[in-house]
């Protein structure tokens, strides 16, 4: 994939993660993006770039997410 495509997918993923969490999490730190990017590609790639669909997918697959991703998602609640 091209660098531009990865950038767009990363932006969509970040937006999805941010939309799923309260405003205190809305900044989306590099740690949060780093922890969940692989999981989003693994479990939700078919939903990218739809932010609502990626958000729903991440919630449905929460128990399958890496411990790091679960941890940063839980911090935002």
PDB file of N, CA and C in Angstrom:
ATOM      1  N   UNK A   1       0.839  -1.193   0.000  1.00  0.00           N
ATOM      2  CA  UNK A   1       0.000   0.000   0.000  1.00  0.00           C
ATOM      3  C   UNK A   1       0.874   1.242   0.000  1.00  0.00           C
ATOM      4  N   UNK A   2       0.330   2.271  -0.521  1.00  0.00           N
ATOM      5  CA  UNK A   2       1.090   3.513  -0.570  1.00  0.00           C
ATOM      6  C   UNK A   2       1.068   4.211   0.786  1.00  0.00           C
ATOM      7  N   UNK A   3       2.026   5.071   0.972  1.00  0.00           N
ATOM      8  CA  UNK A   3       2.111   5.837   2.209  1.00  0.00           C
ATOM      9  C   UNK A   3       0.863   6.694   2.395  1.00  0.00           C
ATOM     10  N   UNK A   4       0.368   7.266   1.307  1.00  0.00           N
ATOM     11  CA  UNK A   4      -0.840   8.094   1.386  1.00  0.00           C
ATOM     12  C   UNK A   4      -2.023   7.269   1.876  1.00  0.00           C
ATOM     13  N   UNK A   5      -2.181   6.059   1.359  1.00  0.00           N
ATOM     14  CA  UNK A   5      -3.303   5.216   1.781  1.00  0.00           C
ATOM     15  C   UNK A   5      -3.192   4.882   3.263  1.00  0.00           C
ATOM     16  N   UNK A   6      -1.987   4.530   3.727  1.00  0.00           N
ATOM     17  CA  UNK A   6      -1.799   4.255   5.153  1.00  0.00           C
ATOM     18  C   UNK A   6      -2.129   5.494   5.989  1.00  0.00           C
ATOM     19  N   UNK A   7      -1.753   6.645   5.500  1.00  0.00           N
ATOM     20  CA  UNK A   7      -2.061   7.878   6.223  1.00  0.00           C
ATOM     21  C   UNK A   7      -3.554   8.115   6.316  1.00  0.00           C
ATOM     22  N   UNK A   8      -4.254   7.885   5.228  1.00  0.00           N
ATOM     23  CA  UNK A   8      -5.709   8.064   5.231  1.00  0.00           C
ATOM     24  C   UNK A   8      -6.386   7.040   6.127  1.00  0.00           C
ATOM     25  N   UNK A   9      -5.929   5.806   6.076  1.00  0.00           N
ATOM     26  CA  UNK A   9      -6.500   4.768   6.934  1.00  0.00           C
ATOM     27  C   UNK A   9      -6.215   5.095   8.396  1.00  0.00           C
ATOM     28  N   UNK A  10      -5.010   5.551   8.680  1.00  0.00           N
ATOM     29  CA  UNK A  10      -4.665   5.935  10.054  1.00  0.00           C
ATOM     30  C   UNK A  10      -5.533   7.070  10.552  1.00  0.00           C
ATOM     31  N   UNK A  11      -5.794   8.040   9.689  1.00  0.00           N
ATOM     32  CA  UNK A  11      -6.651   9.163  10.073  1.00  0.00           C
ATOM     33  C   UNK A  11      -8.073   8.690  10.341  1.00  0.00           C
ATOM     34  N   UNK A  12      -8.579   7.787   9.496  1.00  0.00           N
ATOM     35  CA  UNK A  12      -9.934   7.255   9.698  1.00  0.00           C
ATOM     36  C   UNK A  12     -10.005   6.458  10.991  1.00  0.00           C
ATOM     37  N   UNK A  13      -8.994   5.661  11.243  1.00  0.00           N
ATOM     38  CA  UNK A  13      -8.956   4.881  12.474  1.00  0.00           C
ATOM     39  C   UNK A  13      -8.907   5.788  13.693  1.00  0.00           C
ATOM     40  N   UNK A  14      -8.073   6.793  13.634  1.00  0.00           N
ATOM     41  CA  UNK A  14      -7.979   7.734  14.754  1.00  0.00           C
ATOM     42  C   UNK A  14      -9.321   8.405  15.004  1.00  0.00           C
ATOM     43  N   UNK A  15      -9.967   8.814  13.942  1.00  0.00           N
ATOM     44  CA  UNK A  15     -11.278   9.449  14.088  1.00  0.00           C
ATOM     45  C   UNK A  15     -12.277   8.480  14.699  1.00  0.00           C
ATOM     46  N   UNK A  16     -12.221   7.224  14.300  1.00  0.00           N
ATOM     47  CA  UNK A  16     -13.142   6.228  14.847  1.00  0.00           C
ATOM     48  C   UNK A  16     -12.906   6.025  16.334  1.00  0.00           C
ATOM     49  N   UNK A  17     -11.661   5.903  16.705  1.00  0.00           N
ATOM     50  CA  UNK A  17     -11.347   5.708  18.116  1.00  0.00           C
ATOM     51  C   UNK A  17     -11.748   6.922  18.939  1.00  0.00           C
ATOM     52  N   UNK A  18     -11.560   8.083  18.381  1.00  0.00           N
ATOM     53  CA  UNK A  18     -11.895   9.308  19.095  1.00  0.00           C
ATOM     54  C   UNK A  18     -13.402   9.475  19.219  1.00  0.00           C
ATOM     55  N   UNK A  19     -14.131   9.082  18.201  1.00  0.00           N
ATOM     56  CA  UNK A  19     -15.590   9.217  18.236  1.00  0.00           C
ATOM     57  C   UNK A  19     -16.209   8.275  19.249  1.00  0.00           C
ATOM     58  N   UNK A  20     -15.523   7.204  19.572  1.00  0.00           N
ATOM     59  CA  UNK A  20     -16.066   6.199  20.471  1.00  0.00           C
ATOM     60  C   UNK A  20     -15.803   6.515  21.939  1.00  0.00           C
ATOM     61  N   UNK A  21     -15.121   7.588  22.196  1.00  0.00           N
ATOM     62  CA  UNK A  21     -14.711   7.885  23.557  1.00  0.00           C
ATOM     63  C   UNK A  21     -15.122   9.293  23.957  1.00  0.00           C
ATOM     64  N   UNK A  22     -15.103   9.567  25.244  1.00  0.00           N
ATOM     65  CA  UNK A  22     -15.493  10.897  25.715  1.00  0.00           C
ATOM     66  C   UNK A  22     -14.495  11.976  25.300  1.00  0.00           C
ATOM     67  N   UNK A  23     -14.871  13.252  25.442  1.00  0.00           N
ATOM     68  CA  UNK A  23     -14.017  14.357  25.013  1.00  0.00           C
ATOM     69  C   UNK A  23     -12.615  14.349  25.609  1.00  0.00           C
ATOM     70  N   UNK A  24     -12.452  13.825  26.807  1.00  0.00           N
ATOM     71  CA  UNK A  24     -11.115  13.822  27.406  1.00  0.00           C
ATOM     72  C   UNK A  24     -10.141  12.975  26.597  1.00  0.00           C
ATOM     73  N   UNK A  25     -10.657  12.055  25.812  1.00  0.00           N
ATOM     74  CA  UNK A  25      -9.846  11.170  25.000  1.00  0.00           C
ATOM     75  C   UNK A  25      -9.730  11.707  23.577  1.00  0.00           C
ATOM     76  N   UNK A  26     -10.466  12.745  23.271  1.00  0.00           N
ATOM     77  CA  UNK A  26     -10.630  13.206  21.899  1.00  0.00           C
ATOM     78  C   UNK A  26      -9.358  13.718  21.248  1.00  0.00           C
ATOM     79  N   UNK A  27      -8.308  13.940  21.995  1.00  0.00           N
ATOM     80  CA  UNK A  27      -7.067  14.402  21.391  1.00  0.00           C
ATOM     81  C   UNK A  27      -6.387  13.283  20.619  1.00  0.00           C
ATOM     82  N   UNK A  28      -6.536  12.060  21.031  1.00  0.00           N
ATOM     83  CA  UNK A  28      -5.932  10.930  20.345  1.00  0.00           C
ATOM     84  C   UNK A  28      -4.418  10.981  20.369  1.00  0.00           C
ATOM     85  N   UNK A  29      -3.825  10.474  21.405  1.00  0.00           N
ATOM     86  CA  UNK A  29      -2.374  10.516  21.542  1.00  0.00           C
ATOM     87  C   UNK A  29      -1.712   9.511  20.607  1.00  0.00           C
ATOM     88  N   UNK A  30      -0.447   9.722  20.329  1.00  0.00           N
ATOM     89  CA  UNK A  30       0.291   8.730  19.533  1.00  0.00           C
ATOM     90  C   UNK A  30       0.248   7.347  20.188  1.00  0.00           C
ATOM     91  N   UNK A  31       0.266   7.289  21.504  1.00  0.00           N
ATOM     92  CA  UNK A  31       0.194   6.009  22.229  1.00  0.00           C
ATOM     93  C   UNK A  31      -1.110   5.282  21.890  1.00  0.00           C
ATOM     94  N   UNK A  32      -2.217   6.024  21.879  1.00  0.00           N
ATOM     95  CA  UNK A  32      -3.521   5.418  21.584  1.00  0.00           C
ATOM     96  C   UNK A  32      -3.572   4.907  20.143  1.00  0.00           C
ATOM     97  N   UNK A  33      -3.103   5.706  19.224  1.00  0.00           N
ATOM     98  CA  UNK A  33      -3.102   5.278  17.822  1.00  0.00           C
ATOM     99  C   UNK A  33      -2.187   4.075  17.635  1.00  0.00           C
ATOM    100  N   UNK A  34      -1.027   4.126  18.241  1.00  0.00           N
ATOM    101  CA  UNK A  34      -0.062   3.040  18.117  1.00  0.00           C
ATOM    102  C   UNK A  34      -0.605   1.743  18.707  1.00  0.00           C
ATOM    103  N   UNK A  35      -1.264   1.818  19.836  1.00  0.00           N
ATOM    104  CA  UNK A  35      -1.772   0.630  20.514  1.00  0.00           C
ATOM    105  C   UNK A  35      -2.891  -0.058  19.737  1.00  0.00           C
ATOM    106  N   UNK A  36      -3.668   0.694  18.989  1.00  0.00           N
ATOM    107  CA  UNK A  36      -4.863   0.116  18.356  1.00  0.00           C
ATOM    108  C   UNK A  36      -4.801  -0.030  16.842  1.00  0.00           C
ATOM    109  N   UNK A  37      -3.832   0.552  16.195  1.00  0.00           N
ATOM    110  CA  UNK A  37      -3.796   0.518  14.733  1.00  0.00           C
ATOM    111  C   UNK A  37      -3.766  -0.909  14.194  1.00  0.00           C
ATOM    112  N   UNK A  38      -2.907  -1.752  14.730  1.00  0.00           N
ATOM    113  CA  UNK A  38      -2.824  -3.138  14.256  1.00  0.00           C
ATOM    114  C   UNK A  38      -4.123  -3.890  14.446  1.00  0.00           C
ATOM    115  N   UNK A  39      -4.759  -3.684  15.584  1.00  0.00           N
ATOM    116  CA  UNK A  39      -6.041  -4.348  15.850  1.00  0.00           C
ATOM    117  C   UNK A  39      -7.108  -3.875  14.876  1.00  0.00           C
ATOM    118  N   UNK A  40      -7.114  -2.605  14.575  1.00  0.00           N
ATOM    119  CA  UNK A  40      -8.108  -2.075  13.641  1.00  0.00           C
ATOM    120  C   UNK A  40      -7.923  -2.699  12.259  1.00  0.00           C
ATOM    121  N   UNK A  41      -6.682  -2.830  11.811  1.00  0.00           N
ATOM    122  CA  UNK A  41      -6.430  -3.474  10.521  1.00  0.00           C
ATOM    123  C   UNK A  41      -6.811  -4.954  10.576  1.00  0.00           C
ATOM    124  N   UNK A  42      -6.495  -5.612  11.675  1.00  0.00           N
ATOM    125  CA  UNK A  42      -6.739  -7.048  11.807  1.00  0.00           C
ATOM    126  C   UNK A  42      -8.226  -7.370  11.852  1.00  0.00           C
ATOM    127  N   UNK A  43      -8.976  -6.631  12.643  1.00  0.00           N
ATOM    128  CA  UNK A  43     -10.377  -6.982  12.870  1.00  0.00           C
ATOM    129  C   UNK A  43     -11.377  -6.133  12.090  1.00  0.00           C
ATOM    130  N   UNK A  44     -10.992  -4.942  11.671  1.00  0.00           N
ATOM    131  CA  UNK A  44     -11.966  -3.999  11.120  1.00  0.00           C
ATOM    132  C   UNK A  44     -11.580  -3.405   9.779  1.00  0.00           C
ATOM    133  N   UNK A  45     -10.646  -4.014   9.076  1.00  0.00           N
ATOM    134  CA  UNK A  45     -10.177  -3.420   7.824  1.00  0.00           C
ATOM    135  C   UNK A  45     -11.290  -3.263   6.788  1.00  0.00           C
ATOM    136  N   UNK A  46     -12.270  -4.137   6.806  1.00  0.00           N
ATOM    137  CA  UNK A  46     -13.365  -4.040   5.838  1.00  0.00           C
ATOM    138  C   UNK A  46     -14.240  -2.808   6.080  1.00  0.00           C
ATOM    139  N   UNK A  47     -14.199  -2.260   7.296  1.00  0.00           N
ATOM    140  CA  UNK A  47     -15.019  -1.103   7.623  1.00  0.00           C
ATOM    141  C   UNK A  47     -14.303   0.226   7.380  1.00  0.00           C
ATOM    142  N   UNK A  48     -13.000   0.194   7.191  1.00  0.00           N
ATOM    143  CA  UNK A  48     -12.234   1.414   6.936  1.00  0.00           C
ATOM    144  C   UNK A  48     -12.603   1.928   5.564  1.00  0.00           C
ATOM    145  N   UNK A  49     -12.918   3.175   5.376  1.00  0.00           N
ATOM    146  CA  UNK A  49     -12.690   4.350   6.200  1.00  0.00           C
ATOM    147  C   UNK A  49     -13.926   4.864   6.953  1.00  0.00           C
ATOM    148  N   UNK A  50     -14.987   4.070   7.042  1.00  0.00           N
ATOM    149  CA  UNK A  50     -16.192   4.535   7.727  1.00  0.00           C
ATOM    150  C   UNK A  50     -15.958   4.604   9.239  1.00  0.00           C
ATOM    151  N   UNK A  51     -15.889   5.808   9.771  1.00  0.00           N
ATOM    152  CA  UNK A  51     -15.621   5.997  11.197  1.00  0.00           C
ATOM    153  C   UNK A  51     -16.668   5.297  12.063  1.00  0.00           C
ATOM    154  N   UNK A  52     -17.971   5.470  11.816  1.00  0.00           N
ATOM    155  CA  UNK A  52     -18.952   4.783  12.657  1.00  0.00           C
ATOM    156  C   UNK A  52     -18.829   3.258  12.594  1.00  0.00           C
ATOM    157  N   UNK A  53     -18.527   2.722  11.414  1.00  0.00           N
ATOM    158  CA  UNK A  53     -18.406   1.270  11.279  1.00  0.00           C
ATOM    159  C   UNK A  53     -17.157   0.734  11.964  1.00  0.00           C
ATOM    160  N   UNK A  54     -16.048   1.454  11.866  1.00  0.00           N
ATOM    161  CA  UNK A  54     -14.825   1.032  12.552  1.00  0.00           C
ATOM    162  C   UNK A  54     -15.041   1.094  14.061  1.00  0.00           C
ATOM    163  N   UNK A  55     -15.696   2.145  14.518  1.00  0.00           N
ATOM    164  CA  UNK A  55     -15.984   2.288  15.946  1.00  0.00           C
ATOM    165  C   UNK A  55     -16.807   1.109  16.442  1.00  0.00           C
ATOM    166  N   UNK A  56     -17.867   0.793  15.728  1.00  0.00           N
ATOM    167  CA  UNK A  56     -18.722  -0.331  16.116  1.00  0.00           C
ATOM    168  C   UNK A  56     -17.948  -1.643  16.087  1.00  0.00           C
ATOM    169  N   UNK A  57     -17.134  -1.823  15.075  1.00  0.00           N
ATOM    170  CA  UNK A  57     -16.331  -3.037  14.945  1.00  0.00           C
ATOM    171  C   UNK A  57     -15.355  -3.192  16.111  1.00  0.00           C
ATOM    172  N   UNK A  58     -14.706  -2.114  16.485  1.00  0.00           N
ATOM    173  CA  UNK A  58     -13.759  -2.177  17.604  1.00  0.00           C
ATOM    174  C   UNK A  58     -14.480  -2.532  18.901  1.00  0.00           C
ATOM    175  N   UNK A  59     -15.677  -2.001  19.076  1.00  0.00           N
ATOM    176  CA  UNK A  59     -16.458  -2.320  20.279  1.00  0.00           C
ATOM    177  C   UNK A  59     -16.881  -3.790  20.281  1.00  0.00           C
ATOM    178  N   UNK A  60     -17.340  -4.290  19.134  1.00  0.00           N
ATOM    179  CA  UNK A  60     -17.769  -5.685  19.028  1.00  0.00           C
ATOM    180  C   UNK A  60     -16.594  -6.629  19.288  1.00  0.00           C
ATOM    181  N   UNK A  61     -15.429  -6.243  18.828  1.00  0.00           N
ATOM    182  CA  UNK A  61     -14.241  -7.098  18.955  1.00  0.00           C
ATOM    183  C   UNK A  61     -13.381  -6.763  20.160  1.00  0.00           C
ATOM    184  N   UNK A  62     -13.912  -6.016  21.098  1.00  0.00           N
ATOM    185  CA  UNK A  62     -13.117  -5.545  22.240  1.00  0.00           C
ATOM    186  C   UNK A  62     -12.353  -6.679  22.925  1.00  0.00           C
ATOM    187  N   UNK A  63     -13.002  -7.815  23.140  1.00  0.00           N
ATOM    188  CA  UNK A  63     -12.333  -8.919  23.849  1.00  0.00           C
ATOM    189  C   UNK A  63     -11.187  -9.526  23.052  1.00  0.00           C
ATOM    190  N   UNK A  64     -11.162  -9.294  21.739  1.00  0.00           N
ATOM    191  CA  UNK A  64     -10.102  -9.819  20.885  1.00  0.00           C
ATOM    192  C   UNK A  64      -8.943  -8.839  20.718  1.00  0.00           C
ATOM    193  N   UNK A  65      -9.146  -7.596  21.114  1.00  0.00           N
ATOM    194  CA  UNK A  65      -8.123  -6.566  20.933  1.00  0.00           C
ATOM    195  C   UNK A  65      -6.921  -6.853  21.815  1.00  0.00           C
ATOM    196  N   UNK A  66      -5.788  -6.350  21.404  1.00  0.00           N
ATOM    197  CA  UNK A  66      -4.577  -6.510  22.212  1.00  0.00           C
ATOM    198  C   UNK A  66      -4.792  -5.849  23.571  1.00  0.00           C
ATOM    199  N   UNK A  67      -4.051  -6.309  24.532  1.00  0.00           N
ATOM    200  CA  UNK A  67      -4.175  -5.754  25.870  1.00  0.00           C
ATOM    201  C   UNK A  67      -3.842  -4.265  25.873  1.00  0.00           C
ATOM    202  N   UNK A  68      -2.870  -3.866  25.075  1.00  0.00           N
ATOM    203  CA  UNK A  68      -2.487  -2.453  25.004  1.00  0.00           C
ATOM    204  C   UNK A  68      -3.645  -1.614  24.475  1.00  0.00           C
ATOM    205  N   UNK A  69      -4.312  -2.081  23.432  1.00  0.00           N
ATOM    206  CA  UNK A  69      -5.433  -1.338  22.858  1.00  0.00           C
ATOM    207  C   UNK A  69      -6.605  -1.292  23.842  1.00  0.00           C
ATOM    208  N   UNK A  70      -6.902  -2.423  24.454  1.00  0.00           N
ATOM    209  CA  UNK A  70      -7.986  -2.438  25.454  1.00  0.00           C
ATOM    210  C   UNK A  70      -7.696  -1.434  26.561  1.00  0.00           C
ATOM    211  N   UNK A  71      -6.453  -1.390  26.987  1.00  0.00           N
ATOM    212  CA  UNK A  71      -6.075  -0.507  28.075  1.00  0.00           C
ATOM    213  C   UNK A  71      -6.294   0.968  27.703  1.00  0.00           C
ATOM    214  N   UNK A  72      -5.838   1.375  26.520  1.00  0.00           N
ATOM    215  CA  UNK A  72      -6.005   2.780  26.149  1.00  0.00           C
ATOM    216  C   UNK A  72      -7.466   3.112  25.884  1.00  0.00           C
ATOM    217  N   UNK A  73      -8.240   2.143  25.399  1.00  0.00           N
ATOM    218  CA  UNK A  73      -9.670   2.387  25.183  1.00  0.00           C
ATOM    219  C   UNK A  73     -10.395   2.532  26.518  1.00  0.00           C
ATOM    220  N   UNK A  74     -10.002   1.747  27.502  1.00  0.00           N
ATOM    221  CA  UNK A  74     -10.628   1.820  28.820  1.00  0.00           C
ATOM    222  C   UNK A  74     -10.275   3.128  29.532  1.00  0.00           C
ATOM    223  N   UNK A  75      -9.078   3.647  29.304  1.00  0.00           N
ATOM    224  CA  UNK A  75      -8.675   4.924  29.918  1.00  0.00           C
ATOM    225  C   UNK A  75      -9.594   6.051  29.491  1.00  0.00           C
ATOM    226  N   UNK A  76     -10.132   5.951  28.280  1.00  0.00           N
ATOM    227  CA  UNK A  76     -10.976   7.010  27.755  1.00  0.00           C
ATOM    228  C   UNK A  76     -12.397   6.977  28.290  1.00  0.00           C
ATOM    229  N   UNK A  77     -12.758   5.960  29.048  1.00  0.00           N
ATOM    230  CA  UNK A  77     -14.149   5.862  29.518  1.00  0.00           C
ATOM    231  C   UNK A  77     -14.327   6.477  30.871  1.00  0.00           C
TER     232      UNK A  77
END
